[in-house]
Amino acid sequence: MGDGANDLAMMSVAVRSVAFHAKPVVRAQADAALTYTGLDRLLNILA
């Protein structure tokens, strides 16, 4: 899970990546993005 460009390296090696209230460049590379919700929505993505 990340929100900025500094998280892209970590997200690239993860099995699943989630952008949380992230910059557009991070949202574009993530498997899923949480933009208007809280972290509780992450449970729906991982289930």
PDB file of N, CA and C in Angstrom:
ATOM      1  N   MET A   1       0.840  -1.166   0.000  1.00  0.00           N
ATOM      2  CA  MET A   1       0.000   0.000   0.000  1.00  0.00           C
ATOM      3  C   MET A   1       0.886   1.229   0.000  1.00  0.00           C
ATOM      4  N   GLY A   2       0.518   2.176  -0.834  1.00  0.00           N
ATOM      5  CA  GLY A   2       1.307   3.386  -0.889  1.00  0.00           C
ATOM      6  C   GLY A   2       0.509   4.569  -1.376  1.00  0.00           C
ATOM      7  N   ASP A   3       1.130   5.744  -1.263  1.00  0.00           N
ATOM      8  CA  ASP A   3       0.453   6.958  -1.694  1.00  0.00           C
ATOM      9  C   ASP A   3       1.334   7.885  -2.519  1.00  0.00           C
ATOM     10  N   GLY A   4       2.616   7.646  -2.526  1.00  0.00           N
ATOM     11  CA  GLY A   4       3.522   8.529  -3.248  1.00  0.00           C
ATOM     12  C   GLY A   4       4.516   7.757  -4.087  1.00  0.00           C
ATOM     13  N   ALA A   5       5.249   8.490  -4.924  1.00  0.00           N
ATOM     14  CA  ALA A   5       6.217   7.870  -5.831  1.00  0.00           C
ATOM     15  C   ALA A   5       7.291   7.077  -5.088  1.00  0.00           C
ATOM     16  N   ASN A   6       7.579   7.452  -3.854  1.00  0.00           N
ATOM     17  CA  ASN A   6       8.580   6.711  -3.088  1.00  0.00           C
ATOM     18  C   ASN A   6       8.119   5.288  -2.769  1.00  0.00           C
ATOM     19  N   ASP A   7       6.851   4.990  -2.910  1.00  0.00           N
ATOM     20  CA  ASP A   7       6.317   3.655  -2.635  1.00  0.00           C
ATOM     21  C   ASP A   7       6.282   2.754  -3.865  1.00  0.00           C
ATOM     22  N   LEU A   8       6.575   3.277  -5.032  1.00  0.00           N
ATOM     23  CA  LEU A   8       6.452   2.497  -6.262  1.00  0.00           C
ATOM     24  C   LEU A   8       7.383   1.293  -6.311  1.00  0.00           C
ATOM     25  N   ALA A   9       8.593   1.421  -5.819  1.00  0.00           N
ATOM     26  CA  ALA A   9       9.525   0.273  -5.827  1.00  0.00           C
ATOM     27  C   ALA A   9       8.976  -0.862  -4.967  1.00  0.00           C
ATOM     28  N   MET A  10       8.462  -0.532  -3.799  1.00  0.00           N
ATOM     29  CA  MET A  10       7.879  -1.541  -2.913  1.00  0.00           C
ATOM     30  C   MET A  10       6.652  -2.174  -3.573  1.00  0.00           C
ATOM     31  N   MET A  11       5.828  -1.351  -4.176  1.00  0.00           N
ATOM     32  CA  MET A  11       4.606  -1.855  -4.788  1.00  0.00           C
ATOM     33  C   MET A  11       4.892  -2.736  -5.997  1.00  0.00           C
ATOM     34  N   SER A  12       6.011  -2.510  -6.666  1.00  0.00           N
ATOM     35  CA  SER A  12       6.328  -3.303  -7.855  1.00  0.00           C
ATOM     36  C   SER A  12       6.704  -4.742  -7.521  1.00  0.00           C
ATOM     37  N   VAL A  13       7.172  -4.995  -6.315  1.00  0.00           N
ATOM     38  CA  VAL A  13       7.538  -6.365  -5.936  1.00  0.00           C
ATOM     39  C   VAL A  13       6.444  -7.056  -5.128  1.00  0.00           C
ATOM     40  N   ALA A  14       5.415  -6.327  -4.759  1.00  0.00           N
ATOM     41  CA  ALA A  14       4.315  -6.907  -3.990  1.00  0.00           C
ATOM     42  C   ALA A  14       3.414  -7.733  -4.906  1.00  0.00           C
ATOM     43  N   VAL A  15       2.761  -8.730  -4.336  1.00  0.00           N
ATOM     44  CA  VAL A  15       1.821  -9.546  -5.102  1.00  0.00           C
ATOM     45  C   VAL A  15       0.622  -8.701  -5.515  1.00  0.00           C
ATOM     46  N   ARG A  16       0.112  -7.903  -4.600  1.00  0.00           N
ATOM     47  CA  ARG A  16      -0.977  -6.969  -4.873  1.00  0.00           C
ATOM     48  C   ARG A  16      -0.586  -5.602  -4.340  1.00  0.00           C
ATOM     49  N   SER A  17      -0.906  -4.581  -5.083  1.00  0.00           N
ATOM     50  CA  SER A  17      -0.592  -3.227  -4.628  1.00  0.00           C
ATOM     51  C   SER A  17      -1.866  -2.399  -4.577  1.00  0.00           C
ATOM     52  N   VAL A  18      -1.932  -1.550  -3.571  1.00  0.00           N
ATOM     53  CA  VAL A  18      -3.095  -0.691  -3.361  1.00  0.00           C
ATOM     54  C   VAL A  18      -2.612   0.743  -3.182  1.00  0.00           C
ATOM     55  N   ALA A  19      -3.218   1.633  -3.934  1.00  0.00           N
ATOM     56  CA  ALA A  19      -2.951   3.058  -3.777  1.00  0.00           C
ATOM     57  C   ALA A  19      -3.987   3.625  -2.816  1.00  0.00           C
ATOM     58  N   PHE A  20      -3.542   4.318  -1.784  1.00  0.00           N
ATOM     59  CA  PHE A  20      -4.450   4.881  -0.786  1.00  0.00           C
ATOM     60  C   PHE A  20      -4.343   6.396  -0.798  1.00  0.00           C
ATOM     61  N   HIS A  21      -5.394   7.051  -1.281  1.00  0.00           N
ATOM     62  CA  HIS A  21      -5.402   8.516  -1.436  1.00  0.00           C
ATOM     63  C   HIS A  21      -4.095   8.967  -2.095  1.00  0.00           C
ATOM     64  N   ALA A  22      -3.780   8.309  -3.203  1.00  0.00           N
ATOM     65  CA  ALA A  22      -2.463   8.426  -3.820  1.00  0.00           C
ATOM     66  C   ALA A  22      -2.411   9.443  -4.948  1.00  0.00           C
ATOM     67  N   LYS A  23      -1.198   9.769  -5.312  1.00  0.00           N
ATOM     68  CA  LYS A  23      -0.923  10.610  -6.467  1.00  0.00           C
ATOM     69  C   LYS A  23      -1.310   9.836  -7.737  1.00  0.00           C
ATOM     70  N   PRO A  24      -1.637  10.523  -8.817  1.00  0.00           N
ATOM     71  CA  PRO A  24      -2.062   9.850 -10.050  1.00  0.00           C
ATOM     72  C   PRO A  24      -1.070   8.813 -10.574  1.00  0.00           C
ATOM     73  N   VAL A  25       0.218   9.074 -10.493  1.00  0.00           N
ATOM     74  CA  VAL A  25       1.211   8.116 -10.995  1.00  0.00           C
ATOM     75  C   VAL A  25       1.163   6.809 -10.205  1.00  0.00           C
ATOM     76  N   VAL A  26       0.875   6.871  -8.933  1.00  0.00           N
ATOM     77  CA  VAL A  26       0.786   5.668  -8.103  1.00  0.00           C
ATOM     78  C   VAL A  26      -0.514   4.932  -8.401  1.00  0.00           C
ATOM     79  N   ARG A  27      -1.606   5.651  -8.523  1.00  0.00           N
ATOM     80  CA  ARG A  27      -2.895   5.016  -8.853  1.00  0.00           C
ATOM     81  C   ARG A  27      -2.809   4.276 -10.177  1.00  0.00           C
ATOM     82  N   ALA A  28      -2.087   4.831 -11.143  1.00  0.00           N
ATOM     83  CA  ALA A  28      -1.979   4.204 -12.461  1.00  0.00           C
ATOM     84  C   ALA A  28      -1.243   2.876 -12.406  1.00  0.00           C
ATOM     85  N   GLN A  29      -0.334   2.706 -11.473  1.00  0.00           N
ATOM     86  CA  GLN A  29       0.461   1.488 -11.411  1.00  0.00           C
ATOM     87  C   GLN A  29      -0.040   0.477 -10.389  1.00  0.00           C
ATOM     88  N   ALA A  30      -0.989   0.863  -9.563  1.00  0.00           N
ATOM     89  CA  ALA A  30      -1.497  -0.026  -8.519  1.00  0.00           C
ATOM     90  C   ALA A  30      -2.557  -0.967  -9.074  1.00  0.00           C
ATOM     91  N   ASP A  31      -2.714  -2.111  -8.413  1.00  0.00           N
ATOM     92  CA  ASP A  31      -3.763  -3.057  -8.781  1.00  0.00           C
ATOM     93  C   ASP A  31      -5.142  -2.532  -8.389  1.00  0.00           C
ATOM     94  N   ALA A  32      -5.207  -1.795  -7.308  1.00  0.00           N
ATOM     95  CA  ALA A  32      -6.462  -1.219  -6.822  1.00  0.00           C
ATOM     96  C   ALA A  32      -6.158   0.130  -6.195  1.00  0.00           C
ATOM     97  N   ALA A  33      -7.179   0.974  -6.144  1.00  0.00           N
ATOM     98  CA  ALA A  33      -6.997   2.303  -5.563  1.00  0.00           C
ATOM     99  C   ALA A  33      -8.158   2.631  -4.631  1.00  0.00           C
ATOM    100  N   LEU A  34      -7.824   3.141  -3.473  1.00  0.00           N
ATOM    101  CA  LEU A  34      -8.816   3.648  -2.519  1.00  0.00           C
ATOM    102  C   LEU A  34      -8.656   5.160  -2.515  1.00  0.00           C
ATOM    103  N   THR A  35      -9.603   5.849  -3.112  1.00  0.00           N
ATOM    104  CA  THR A  35      -9.484   7.289  -3.255  1.00  0.00           C
ATOM    105  C   THR A  35     -10.475   8.041  -2.372  1.00  0.00           C
ATOM    106  N   TYR A  36     -11.699   7.540  -2.286  1.00  0.00           N
ATOM    107  CA  TYR A  36     -12.749   8.252  -1.561  1.00  0.00           C
ATOM    108  C   TYR A  36     -13.264   7.490  -0.352  1.00  0.00           C
ATOM    109  N   THR A  37     -12.553   6.442   0.063  1.00  0.00           N
ATOM    110  CA  THR A  37     -13.011   5.616   1.181  1.00  0.00           C
ATOM    111  C   THR A  37     -11.897   5.492   2.217  1.00  0.00           C
ATOM    112  N   GLY A  38     -12.229   4.807   3.287  1.00  0.00           N
ATOM    113  CA  GLY A  38     -11.251   4.535   4.335  1.00  0.00           C
ATOM    114  C   GLY A  38     -10.579   3.196   4.127  1.00  0.00           C
ATOM    115  N   LEU A  39      -9.686   2.880   5.024  1.00  0.00           N
ATOM    116  CA  LEU A  39      -8.938   1.621   4.922  1.00  0.00           C
ATOM    117  C   LEU A  39      -9.818   0.385   5.104  1.00  0.00           C
ATOM    118  N   ASP A  40     -10.998   0.551   5.681  1.00  0.00           N
ATOM    119  CA  ASP A  40     -11.878  -0.600   5.857  1.00  0.00           C
ATOM    120  C   ASP A  40     -12.285  -1.212   4.518  1.00  0.00           C
ATOM    121  N   ARG A  41     -12.278  -0.449   3.448  1.00  0.00           N
ATOM    122  CA  ARG A  41     -12.595  -0.975   2.119  1.00  0.00           C
ATOM    123  C   ARG A  41     -11.509  -1.917   1.601  1.00  0.00           C
ATOM    124  N   LEU A  42     -10.347  -1.876   2.177  1.00  0.00           N
ATOM    125  CA  LEU A  42      -9.276  -2.779   1.777  1.00  0.00           C
ATOM    126  C   LEU A  42      -9.679  -4.233   2.008  1.00  0.00           C
ATOM    127  N   LEU A  43     -10.495  -4.487   3.009  1.00  0.00           N
ATOM    128  CA  LEU A  43     -10.971  -5.852   3.261  1.00  0.00           C
ATOM    129  C   LEU A  43     -11.747  -6.390   2.070  1.00  0.00           C
ATOM    130  N   ASN A  44     -12.537  -5.572   1.396  1.00  0.00           N
ATOM    131  CA  ASN A  44     -13.272  -6.010   0.218  1.00  0.00           C
ATOM    132  C   ASN A  44     -12.338  -6.368  -0.930  1.00  0.00           C
ATOM    133  N   ILE A  45     -11.245  -5.650  -1.051  1.00  0.00           N
ATOM    134  CA  ILE A  45     -10.300  -5.905  -2.136  1.00  0.00           C
ATOM    135  C   ILE A  45      -9.540  -7.208  -1.886  1.00  0.00           C
ATOM    136  N   LEU A  46      -9.156  -7.434  -0.655  1.00  0.00           N
ATOM    137  CA  LEU A  46      -8.342  -8.601  -0.337  1.00  0.00           C
ATOM    138  C   LEU A  46      -9.147  -9.879  -0.207  1.00  0.00           C
ATOM    139  N   ALA A  47     -10.428  -9.764  -0.017  1.00  0.00           N
ATOM    140  CA  ALA A  47     -11.271 -10.968   0.170  1.00  0.00           C
ATOM    141  C   ALA A  47     -11.563 -11.652  -1.132  1.00  0.00           C
TER     142      ALA A  47
END
